C-alpha atoms as a PDB file:
ATOM      1  CA  MET A   1    -222.463  84.626-106.311  1.00  0.00           C
ATOM      2  CA  LEU A   2    -220.068  84.504-109.250  1.00  0.00           C
ATOM      3  CA  ARG A   3    -216.951  82.472-108.555  1.00  0.00           C
ATOM      4  CA  ILE A   4    -213.824  83.746-110.275  1.00  0.00           C
ATOM      5  CA  MET A   5    -211.548  80.931-111.339  1.00  0.00           C
ATOM      6  CA  THR A   6    -207.886  81.214-112.195  1.00  0.00           C
ATOM      7  CA  GLN A   7    -207.319  77.483-112.441  1.00  0.00           C
ATOM      8  CA  VAL A   8    -209.142  74.242-113.119  1.00  0.00           C
ATOM      9  CA  PRO A   9    -211.420  73.118-110.227  1.00  0.00           C
ATOM     10  CA  ALA A  10    -209.779  70.989-107.505  1.00  0.00           C
ATOM     11  CA  LYS A  11    -211.776  67.765-107.924  1.00  0.00           C
ATOM     12  CA  THR A  12    -210.852  67.497-111.608  1.00  0.00           C
ATOM     13  CA  LYS A  13    -210.045  64.075-113.058  1.00  0.00           C
ATOM     14  CA  PHE A  14    -209.388  65.285-116.608  1.00  0.00           C
ATOM     15  CA  SER A  15    -208.694  68.686-118.136  1.00  0.00           C
ATOM     16  CA  GLU A  16    -207.935  69.865-121.664  1.00  0.00           C
ATOM     17  CA  SER A  17    -207.167  73.313-123.039  1.00  0.00           C
ATOM     18  CA  LEU A  18    -209.583  74.816-125.575  1.00  0.00           C
ATOM     19  CA  GLY A  19    -207.225  77.391-126.986  1.00  0.00           C
ATOM     20  CA  ASP A  20    -205.382  80.176-125.217  1.00  0.00           C
ATOM     21  CA  SER A  21    -207.874  81.056-122.515  1.00  0.00           C
ATOM     22  CA  ARG A  22    -210.477  78.314-122.098  1.00  0.00           C
ATOM     23  CA  TYR A  23    -210.571  74.759-120.802  1.00  0.00           C
ATOM     24  CA  VAL A  24    -212.893  71.804-120.455  1.00  0.00           C
ATOM     25  CA  SER A  25    -212.628  69.572-117.406  1.00  0.00           C
ATOM     26  CA  VAL A  26    -214.389  66.529-115.969  1.00  0.00           C
ATOM     27  CA  ASP A  27    -214.646  66.136-112.212  1.00  0.00           C
ATOM     28  CA  VAL A  28    -214.988  63.067-109.990  1.00  0.00           C
ATOM     29  CA  ASP A  29    -218.799  63.351-110.208  1.00  0.00           C
ATOM     30  CA  ARG A  30    -218.540  63.245-114.045  1.00  0.00           C
ATOM     31  CA  ASP A  31    -219.784  66.805-114.373  1.00  0.00           C
ATOM     32  CA  VAL A  32    -218.212  68.772-117.213  1.00  0.00           C
ATOM     33  CA  THR A  33    -217.002  72.348-116.754  1.00  0.00           C
ATOM     34  CA  ILE A  34    -216.156  74.684-119.609  1.00  0.00           C
ATOM     35  CA  GLY A  35    -214.317  77.657-118.156  1.00  0.00           C
ATOM     36  CA  ASP A  36    -212.192  80.699-118.790  1.00  0.00           C
ATOM     37  CA  PHE A  37    -208.678  81.172-117.372  1.00  0.00           C
ATOM     38  CA  ASN A  38    -208.827  84.970-117.801  1.00  0.00           C
ATOM     39  CA  ASN A  39    -210.449  85.744-114.428  1.00  0.00           C
ATOM     40  CA  SER A  40    -213.732  86.609-116.131  1.00  0.00           C
ATOM     41  CA  GLY A  41    -215.598  84.207-113.872  1.00  0.00           C
ATOM     42  CA  LYS A  42    -217.339  82.709-116.896  1.00  0.00           C
ATOM     43  CA  ARG A  43    -217.913  78.997-116.681  1.00  0.00           C
ATOM     44  CA  THR A  44    -220.536  76.438-117.552  1.00  0.00           C
ATOM     45  CA  LEU A  45    -221.217  73.290-115.538  1.00  0.00           C
ATOM     46  CA  LEU A  46    -222.990  70.571-117.508  1.00  0.00           C
ATOM     47  CA  THR A  47    -224.184  67.275-116.086  1.00  0.00           C
ATOM     48  CA  THR A  48    -223.097  64.118-117.906  1.00  0.00           C
ATOM     49  CA  PRO A  49    -226.416  63.730-119.819  1.00  0.00           C
ATOM     50  CA  ARG A  50    -226.264  67.356-120.975  1.00  0.00           C
ATOM     51  CA  TRP A  51    -222.646  66.952-122.083  1.00  0.00           C
ATOM     52  CA  VAL A  52    -223.626  63.830-124.060  1.00  0.00           C
ATOM     53  CA  ARG A  53    -226.442  65.784-125.779  1.00  0.00           C
ATOM     54  CA  LEU A  54    -223.977  68.553-126.659  1.00  0.00           C
ATOM     55  CA  VAL A  55    -221.439  66.098-128.120  1.00  0.00           C
ATOM     56  CA  GLU A  56    -224.183  64.330-130.101  1.00  0.00           C
ATOM     57  CA  GLU A  57    -225.154  67.680-131.648  1.00  0.00           C
ATOM     58  CA  MET A  58    -221.605  68.741-132.623  1.00  0.00           C
ATOM     59  CA  ASP A  59    -222.043  68.014-136.353  1.00  0.00           C
ATOM     60  CA  GLN A  60    -225.110  70.281-136.526  1.00  0.00           C
ATOM     61  CA  ILE A  61    -223.327  72.982-134.498  1.00  0.00           C
ATOM     62  CA  ASP A  62    -220.342  72.768-136.865  1.00  0.00           C
ATOM     63  CA  SER A  63    -222.685  73.106-139.872  1.00  0.00           C
ATOM     64  CA  ALA A  64    -224.316  76.193-138.349  1.00  0.00           C
ATOM     65  CA  VAL A  65    -220.871  77.703-137.678  1.00  0.00           C
ATOM     66  CA  GLU A  66    -219.799  77.051-141.283  1.00  0.00           C
ATOM     67  CA  CYS A  67    -222.968  78.746-142.609  1.00  0.00           C
ATOM     68  CA  ALA A  68    -222.507  81.739-140.305  1.00  0.00           C
ATOM     69  CA  ALA A  69    -218.833  82.028-141.319  1.00  0.00           C
ATOM     70  CA  MET A  70    -219.921  82.214-144.982  1.00  0.00           C
ATOM     71  CA  LEU A  71    -222.334  85.032-143.990  1.00  0.00           C
ATOM     72  CA  ILE A  72    -225.350  82.788-144.564  1.00  0.00           C
ATOM     73  CA  PRO A  73    -227.985  83.838-142.010  1.00  0.00           C
ATOM     74  CA  THR A  74    -228.465  81.203-139.340  1.00  0.00           C
ATOM     75  CA  GLN A  75    -230.953  80.982-136.499  1.00  0.00           C
ATOM     76  CA  TYR A  76    -229.513  77.838-134.936  1.00  0.00           C
ATOM     77  CA  LYS A  77    -230.337  77.208-131.279  1.00  0.00           C
ATOM     78  CA  PHE A  78    -229.951  73.815-129.587  1.00  0.00           C
ATOM     79  CA  HIS A  79    -231.585  72.943-126.253  1.00  0.00           C
ATOM     80  CA  VAL A  80    -229.115  70.957-124.136  1.00  0.00           C
ATOM     81  CA  GLY A  81    -231.491  70.463-121.209  1.00  0.00           C
ATOM     82  CA  ALA A  82    -233.152  72.436-118.407  1.00  0.00           C
ATOM     83  CA  ASN A  83    -232.382  76.122-119.075  1.00  0.00           C
ATOM     84  CA  TRP A  84    -229.212  75.481-121.155  1.00  0.00           C
ATOM     85  CA  PHE A  85    -229.073  76.391-124.853  1.00  0.00           C
ATOM     86  CA  ILE A  86    -226.368  76.561-127.526  1.00  0.00           C
ATOM     87  CA  PRO A  87    -227.112  79.373-130.002  1.00  0.00           C
ATOM     88  CA  VAL A  88    -224.934  80.085-133.030  1.00  0.00           C
ATOM     89  CA  SER A  89    -224.970  83.536-134.568  1.00  0.00           C
ATOM     90  CA  GLY A  90    -222.999  85.259-137.274  1.00  0.00           C
ATOM     91  CA  ALA A  91    -224.559  88.681-137.279  1.00  0.00           C
ATOM     92  CA  PHE A  92    -221.248  90.501-137.647  1.00  0.00           C
ATOM     93  CA  ALA A  93    -219.080  90.011-140.712  1.00  0.00           C
ATOM     94  CA  ARG A  94    -216.902  86.941-140.184  1.00  0.00           C
ATOM     95  CA  ASP A  95    -217.404  86.945-136.399  1.00  0.00           C
ATOM     96  CA  VAL A  96    -219.142  83.714-135.482  1.00  0.00           C
ATOM     97  CA  CYS A  97    -220.309  83.262-131.921  1.00  0.00           C
ATOM     98  CA  VAL A  98    -221.077  79.918-130.293  1.00  0.00           C
ATOM     99  CA  CYS A  99    -222.332  80.388-126.750  1.00  0.00           C
ATOM    100  CA  VAL A 100    -223.381  78.130-123.941  1.00  0.00           C
ATOM    101  CA  CYS A 101    -226.259  80.063-122.395  1.00  0.00           C
ATOM    102  CA  ARG A 102    -228.346  79.481-119.330  1.00  0.00           C
ATOM    103  CA  TYR A 103    -231.669  81.278-119.279  1.00  0.00           C
ATOM    104  CA  ILE A 104    -233.210  82.043-115.912  1.00  0.00           C
ATOM    105  CA  ALA A 105    -236.926  82.656-115.641  1.00  0.00           C
ATOM    106  CA  ILE A 106    -237.829  85.719-113.631  1.00  0.00           C
ATOM    107  CA  ALA A 107    -241.293  85.658-112.142  1.00  0.00           C
END
């Protein structure tokens, strides 16, 4: 079931805005949530080790974003852990997309 969020989760210890419509928060269990305030229901819950891997990879993600923004083809995809990946694409002129994706295997 998709949970629609209009505010930061209740057990939050820290929260920071990521622009107009998104936030990152850390809860009492040290899990990190990246969410959307716009009632889209989109959110990502990363465990502490996965968050650390993401932060450690930020320079490479930034480099991939810079290449994509200059219309240099990029096929960057970083595995955070389990089924979580961070792909960067710039297939559309000047529109660079950085996603946090969870792939689910269907048997």
